[in-house]
Amino acid sequence: MKILRAPFLWASTNPFLARRLPRYGFVRRAVRRFMPGETAGDALAEAGRINQRGAGAILTLLGENATSGEDARKIVDHYKGVLDGMRRDGLDVEISVKPTHLGMDFGPAVAELNLKELLEHAAEDATMVWVDMEASGYVDDTLEIFRAARAAYVHVGLCLQAYLYRTEDDLEALLPLAPAVRLVKGAYREPSSVAYPSKVDVDAAYLRLCERLLAARAEGKVARPAFGTHDPVLIRNVIAVADRVGVSRSRWEVEMLYGIGTRDQDRLLHQGCTVRILVSYGTDWFPWYMRRLAERPANLGFVLRQLLPV
């Protein structure tokens, strides 16, 4: 499956494919498995069904790299509407935002100001606002805006990517802030000079970071560790490490993608684990979808089945 990862990551950055492939019905049928729809209403409705199963939800609007300050403002207003809808419907919902969606390309100060506005809007009930981590060139600026936000708000969390060599050092530097951290493997196309190229090495780094996060949670140095993975081996290891260091299953969580591993989600809930489902939605789904296939090439079989008549 490793041989398939590079083509999917290449496709995720190809503007011609992004314009062309979404026009095909079989592509649109395939992506429906992984997102409930293109509107916030679709995502909130699905979040309600997820809550009924006993899991929480995180909503994220697909898209990156706002093309203007006005576009970034529209994203802020969109998420404020999502927060209002969550409160109206009484849902257990958090949001996850990309710095480039908030205007990072126009300077960290722009993204920082927009993030602050979202955090103010979420402050009424301290709804968690997660800051996504994007390609490696944005890491320093993302850490900068997170630090500024964490100095003023408790309901802000940060995503860290295990495949970057620097992440272990970044985590250590963040621990004095007692951060909420979501750990993922990483899905951007990165050179071997900055990221582990081998799955074995990425998995090993993920487990080291998992152990550090849970040990820090036991010591009160991490507000909330969250582990974003569908890998059953890694999940078993997370549970084993948490049990060993004495961190109960209510004090950390597994975060999984909508449409993947629903039975595994239900099994973890039955075992007393805290589970939160990341629901992506929006019209700008092609790059995101290609990265999801790069993460799990086994899903290609599902895509190919969509070529059959329905």
Protein backbone atom coordinates (compact mmCIF):
# COMPACT_ATOMS: atom_id res chain seq x y z
CA MET A 1 0.00 0.00 0.00
CA LYS A 2 2.95 2.36 0.50
CA ILE A 3 3.35 2.61 -3.27
CA LEU A 4 -0.10 4.23 -3.50
CA ARG A 5 0.55 6.96 -0.92
CA ALA A 6 2.75 9.18 -3.11
CA PRO A 7 0.31 9.36 -6.07
CA PHE A 8 -2.58 10.30 -3.79
CA LEU A 9 -0.53 13.03 -2.10
CA TRP A 10 0.56 14.31 -5.51
CA ALA A 11 -3.07 14.36 -6.66
CA SER A 12 -4.07 16.34 -3.55
CA THR A 13 -1.93 19.27 -4.76
CA ASN A 14 -2.78 19.09 -8.47
CA PRO A 15 -5.12 21.95 -9.47
CA PHE A 16 -6.15 20.32 -12.77
CA LEU A 17 -7.37 17.18 -11.00
CA ALA A 18 -9.08 19.29 -8.33
CA ARG A 19 -11.09 21.01 -11.06
CA ARG A 20 -11.74 17.96 -13.20
CA LEU A 21 -12.32 14.86 -11.07
CA PRO A 22 -15.10 16.21 -8.81
CA ARG A 23 -17.26 16.52 -11.93
CA TYR A 24 -17.48 12.73 -12.21
CA GLY A 25 -20.39 11.00 -10.55
CA PHE A 26 -18.37 8.02 -9.30
CA VAL A 27 -15.99 10.36 -7.45
CA ARG A 28 -18.85 12.23 -5.80
CA ARG A 29 -20.52 8.94 -4.86
CA ALA A 30 -17.31 7.68 -3.28
CA VAL A 31 -16.73 10.79 -1.18
CA ARG A 32 -20.23 10.62 0.30
CA ARG A 33 -19.02 7.79 2.49
CA PHE A 34 -16.61 10.15 4.24
CA MET A 35 -18.68 13.32 4.58
CA PRO A 36 -22.41 13.69 5.30
CA GLY A 37 -22.89 16.61 2.92
CA GLU A 38 -21.57 19.97 1.84
CA THR A 39 -23.43 22.30 4.25
CA ALA A 40 -23.13 23.12 7.94
CA GLY A 41 -26.71 21.92 8.32
CA ASP A 42 -25.72 18.50 6.98
CA ALA A 43 -22.81 18.34 9.42
CA LEU A 44 -24.86 19.45 12.44
CA ALA A 45 -27.58 16.91 11.65
CA GLU A 46 -24.97 14.15 11.49
CA ALA A 47 -23.42 15.40 14.74
CA GLY A 48 -26.80 14.87 16.39
CA ARG A 49 -26.87 11.26 15.24
CA ILE A 50 -23.28 10.78 16.46
CA ASN A 51 -24.25 12.17 19.86
CA GLN A 52 -27.11 9.68 20.05
CA ARG A 53 -24.53 6.89 19.71
CA GLY A 54 -22.68 8.27 22.73
CA ALA A 55 -19.81 10.01 20.92
CA GLY A 56 -18.92 13.65 20.56
CA ALA A 57 -18.33 15.40 17.25
CA ILE A 58 -15.83 17.83 15.78
CA LEU A 59 -16.88 19.79 12.71
CA THR A 60 -14.44 21.18 10.17
CA LEU A 61 -15.19 23.08 6.99
CA LEU A 62 -13.05 21.80 4.14
CA GLY A 63 -10.72 24.17 2.39
CA GLU A 64 -7.37 25.87 2.90
CA ASN A 65 -5.49 29.03 1.97
CA ALA A 66 -8.03 31.84 1.97
CA THR A 67 -7.38 33.99 -1.07
CA SER A 68 -8.18 37.30 0.61
CA GLY A 69 -8.88 38.84 3.98
CA GLU A 70 -12.54 38.95 2.98
CA ASP A 71 -12.54 35.19 2.37
CA ALA A 72 -11.00 34.60 5.79
CA ARG A 73 -13.72 36.79 7.36
CA LYS A 74 -16.36 34.64 5.68
CA ILE A 75 -14.79 31.55 7.27
CA VAL A 76 -14.93 33.17 10.71
CA ASP A 77 -18.60 34.07 10.21
CA HIS A 78 -19.32 30.56 8.99
CA TYR A 79 -17.86 28.96 12.11
CA LYS A 80 -19.69 31.43 14.35
CA GLY A 81 -22.87 30.23 12.70
CA VAL A 82 -21.87 26.62 13.39
CA LEU A 83 -21.32 27.46 17.07
CA ASP A 84 -24.73 29.12 17.19
CA GLY A 85 -26.33 26.06 15.58
CA MET A 86 -24.62 23.73 18.03
CA ARG A 87 -25.97 25.74 20.98
CA ARG A 88 -29.45 25.95 19.45
CA ASP A 89 -29.63 22.18 18.99
CA GLY A 90 -27.92 21.30 22.29
CA LEU A 91 -25.18 19.28 20.61
CA ASP A 92 -21.85 18.00 21.89
CA VAL A 93 -19.86 19.61 19.09
CA GLU A 94 -16.43 21.23 18.80
CA ILE A 95 -14.86 22.92 15.79
CA SER A 96 -11.48 22.47 14.12
CA VAL A 97 -10.02 25.29 12.02
CA LYS A 98 -7.08 25.58 9.63
CA PRO A 99 -4.81 28.61 10.10
CA THR A 100 -4.58 29.17 6.35
CA HIS A 101 -8.38 29.22 6.22
CA LEU A 102 -8.22 32.04 8.78
CA GLY A 103 -5.80 34.06 6.66
CA MET A 104 -2.36 32.81 7.70
CA ASP A 105 -0.99 33.54 4.24
CA PHE A 106 -1.54 37.23 4.97
CA GLY A 107 0.52 37.01 8.14
CA PRO A 108 0.20 35.26 11.52
CA ALA A 109 -1.41 38.38 12.99
CA VAL A 110 -4.41 38.01 10.65
CA ALA A 111 -4.97 34.37 11.59
CA GLU A 112 -4.40 35.15 15.27
CA LEU A 113 -7.02 37.91 15.26
CA ASN A 114 -9.57 35.69 13.49
CA LEU A 115 -8.88 32.81 15.86
CA LYS A 116 -9.36 35.14 18.83
CA GLU A 117 -12.76 36.20 17.46
CA LEU A 118 -13.83 32.55 17.20
CA LEU A 119 -12.60 31.82 20.72
CA GLU A 120 -14.56 34.80 22.05
CA HIS A 121 -17.68 33.49 20.32
CA ALA A 122 -17.06 30.01 21.75
CA ALA A 123 -16.36 31.34 25.26
CA GLU A 124 -20.00 31.36 26.36
CA ASP A 125 -19.90 27.62 26.98
CA ALA A 126 -16.13 27.11 26.53
CA THR A 127 -16.60 25.06 23.36
CA MET A 128 -13.25 23.70 22.25
CA VAL A 129 -11.72 25.26 19.16
CA TRP A 130 -9.00 23.05 17.70
CA VAL A 131 -6.21 24.56 15.61
CA ASP A 132 -5.21 22.19 12.83
CA MET A 133 -1.60 21.70 11.80
CA GLU A 134 -0.99 21.98 8.06
CA ALA A 135 2.10 21.55 5.88
CA SER A 136 5.50 21.85 7.56
CA GLY A 137 6.14 25.37 6.30
CA TYR A 138 3.31 26.62 8.51
CA VAL A 139 4.36 24.94 11.75
CA ASP A 140 6.25 27.84 13.34
CA ASP A 141 3.50 30.35 12.63
CA THR A 142 0.83 27.92 13.82
CA LEU A 143 2.69 27.40 17.09
CA GLU A 144 2.93 31.17 17.44
CA ILE A 145 -0.79 31.81 17.10
CA PHE A 146 -1.60 28.86 19.36
CA ARG A 147 0.66 30.15 22.12
CA ALA A 148 -0.97 33.55 21.92
CA ALA A 149 -4.44 32.01 22.06
CA ARG A 150 -3.57 29.63 24.90
CA ALA A 151 -2.29 32.52 27.00
CA ALA A 152 -5.80 33.98 27.00
CA TYR A 153 -8.16 31.00 26.60
CA VAL A 154 -8.43 27.49 28.02
CA HIS A 155 -10.80 26.20 25.32
CA VAL A 156 -8.25 25.99 22.53
CA GLY A 157 -6.37 22.88 21.38
CA LEU A 158 -3.63 22.12 18.89
CA CYS A 159 -3.03 19.31 16.42
CA LEU A 160 0.49 17.85 16.25
CA GLN A 161 1.76 15.54 13.50
CA ALA A 162 3.83 12.51 14.49
CA TYR A 163 5.60 12.18 11.14
CA LEU A 164 7.54 15.44 11.53
CA TYR A 165 10.96 15.01 13.11
CA ARG A 166 10.50 18.20 15.12
CA THR A 167 7.25 17.25 16.85
CA GLU A 168 8.77 15.66 19.95
CA ASP A 169 10.69 18.86 20.65
CA ASP A 170 7.62 20.97 19.87
CA LEU A 171 5.56 18.99 22.37
CA GLU A 172 8.13 19.42 25.12
CA ALA A 173 8.21 23.16 24.49
CA LEU A 174 4.40 23.34 24.73
CA LEU A 175 4.01 21.40 27.99
CA PRO A 176 4.41 24.47 30.26
CA LEU A 177 1.16 25.74 28.70
CA ALA A 178 -0.75 22.59 29.82
CA PRO A 179 -2.18 22.32 26.28
CA ALA A 180 -4.94 20.23 24.80
CA VAL A 181 -3.25 18.22 22.05
CA ARG A 182 -4.63 16.10 19.24
CA LEU A 183 -1.98 13.73 17.92
CA VAL A 184 -2.24 12.52 14.31
CA LYS A 185 0.20 10.76 12.01
CA GLY A 186 0.23 13.50 9.36
CA ALA A 187 -1.07 13.49 5.79
CA TYR A 188 0.73 16.18 3.82
CA ARG A 189 3.32 15.50 1.16
CA GLU A 190 6.61 16.20 2.95
CA PRO A 191 10.27 15.59 2.01
CA SER A 192 12.32 13.07 3.94
CA SER A 193 14.41 15.98 5.27
CA VAL A 194 11.54 17.03 7.57
CA ALA A 195 9.33 13.94 7.98
CA TYR A 196 9.74 10.21 8.49
CA PRO A 197 9.21 8.54 5.11
CA SER A 198 8.58 5.07 6.57
CA LYS A 199 5.29 3.98 8.14
CA VAL A 200 7.22 1.95 10.69
CA ASP A 201 9.10 5.05 11.82
CA VAL A 202 5.94 7.16 11.87
CA ASP A 203 4.17 4.57 14.02
CA ALA A 204 7.14 4.44 16.41
CA ALA A 205 7.15 8.23 16.70
CA TYR A 206 3.40 8.23 17.27
CA LEU A 207 3.73 5.76 20.12
CA ARG A 208 6.57 7.74 21.74
CA LEU A 209 4.46 10.87 21.59
CA CYS A 210 1.46 8.96 22.93
CA GLU A 211 3.49 7.81 25.93
CA ARG A 212 4.73 11.34 26.57
CA LEU A 213 1.26 12.85 26.33
CA LEU A 214 -0.27 10.31 28.69
CA ALA A 215 2.58 10.63 31.18
CA ALA A 216 2.12 14.41 31.06
CA ARG A 217 -1.64 13.96 31.55
CA ALA A 218 -0.95 11.87 34.64
CA GLU A 219 1.26 14.70 35.93
CA GLY A 220 -1.31 17.40 35.11
CA LYS A 221 0.86 18.90 32.37
CA VAL A 222 -1.59 18.25 29.54
CA ALA A 223 -5.18 19.44 29.74
CA ARG A 224 -6.52 16.90 27.26
CA PRO A 225 -4.73 14.33 25.11
CA ALA A 226 -6.60 13.18 22.01
CA PHE A 227 -5.37 10.50 19.64
CA GLY A 228 -6.49 10.75 16.04
CA THR A 229 -6.03 7.33 14.48
CA HIS A 230 -7.89 4.35 13.05
CA ASP A 231 -4.92 2.04 13.48
CA PRO A 232 -6.13 -0.77 15.78
CA VAL A 233 -2.60 -1.60 16.93
CA LEU A 234 -1.90 1.97 17.93
CA ILE A 235 -5.25 2.24 19.70
CA ARG A 236 -4.53 -0.90 21.70
CA ASN A 237 -1.14 0.54 22.61
CA VAL A 238 -2.71 3.84 23.67
CA ILE A 239 -5.13 1.99 25.95
CA ALA A 240 -2.30 -0.11 27.40
CA VAL A 241 -0.11 2.94 28.06
CA ALA A 242 -2.99 4.86 29.65
CA ASP A 243 -3.81 1.93 31.93
CA ARG A 244 -0.15 1.53 32.87
CA VAL A 245 0.36 5.19 33.86
CA GLY A 246 -3.01 5.39 35.60
CA VAL A 247 -4.91 7.73 33.27
CA SER A 248 -8.56 6.68 33.22
CA ARG A 249 -10.42 6.38 29.92
CA SER A 250 -12.46 9.50 30.71
CA ARG A 251 -9.29 11.64 30.75
CA TRP A 252 -8.18 11.08 27.16
CA GLU A 253 -9.97 10.35 23.91
CA VAL A 254 -9.79 8.70 20.54
CA GLU A 255 -10.73 10.86 17.57
CA MET A 256 -11.78 9.12 14.39
CA LEU A 257 -13.01 10.19 10.98
CA TYR A 258 -16.65 10.08 9.99
CA GLY A 259 -17.45 7.12 7.75
CA ILE A 260 -14.46 4.99 8.74
CA GLY A 261 -14.49 2.25 11.35
CA THR A 262 -17.96 2.82 12.80
CA ARG A 263 -17.92 -0.60 14.43
CA ASP A 264 -14.54 0.18 16.00
CA GLN A 265 -15.96 3.44 17.33
CA ASP A 266 -18.89 1.63 18.92
CA ARG A 267 -16.59 -1.01 20.38
CA LEU A 268 -14.40 1.64 22.00
CA LEU A 269 -17.46 3.37 23.43
CA HIS A 270 -18.60 0.04 24.86
CA GLN A 271 -15.17 -0.34 26.48
CA GLY A 272 -15.62 2.98 28.27
CA CYS A 273 -13.36 5.04 26.01
CA THR A 274 -14.18 8.62 25.12
CA VAL A 275 -14.67 8.87 21.37
CA ARG A 276 -15.10 11.95 19.21
CA ILE A 277 -15.85 11.83 15.46
CA LEU A 278 -14.37 14.37 13.06
CA VAL A 279 -17.02 15.38 10.53
CA SER A 280 -15.70 17.18 7.46
CA TYR A 281 -18.03 18.98 5.08
CA GLY A 282 -18.02 21.62 2.36
CA THR A 283 -17.53 21.96 -1.37
CA ASP A 284 -13.72 22.09 -1.36
CA TRP A 285 -13.29 18.42 -0.60
CA PHE A 286 -10.97 17.06 -3.31
CA PRO A 287 -7.52 17.74 -1.72
CA TRP A 288 -8.78 16.50 1.63
CA TYR A 289 -10.20 13.34 0.07
CA MET A 290 -6.94 12.50 -1.69
CA ARG A 291 -5.06 12.83 1.62
CA ARG A 292 -7.57 10.51 3.29
CA LEU A 293 -6.89 7.91 0.58
CA ALA A 294 -3.15 8.41 1.10
CA GLU A 295 -3.62 7.68 4.79
CA ARG A 296 -5.73 4.58 4.12
CA PRO A 297 -5.09 3.22 0.59
CA ALA A 298 -7.32 0.26 1.46
CA ASN A 299 -10.22 2.66 0.90
CA LEU A 300 -9.37 2.60 -2.81
CA GLY A 301 -11.41 -0.58 -3.09
CA PHE A 302 -14.46 1.36 -1.98
CA VAL A 303 -13.77 4.02 -4.60
CA LEU A 304 -13.42 1.42 -7.36
CA ARG A 305 -16.75 -0.13 -6.39
CA GLN A 306 -18.37 3.23 -7.17
CA LEU A 307 -17.51 2.64 -10.83
CA LEU A 308 -20.22 0.00 -10.89
CA PRO A 309 -23.75 1.07 -11.83
CA VAL A 310 -25.99 1.98 -8.87
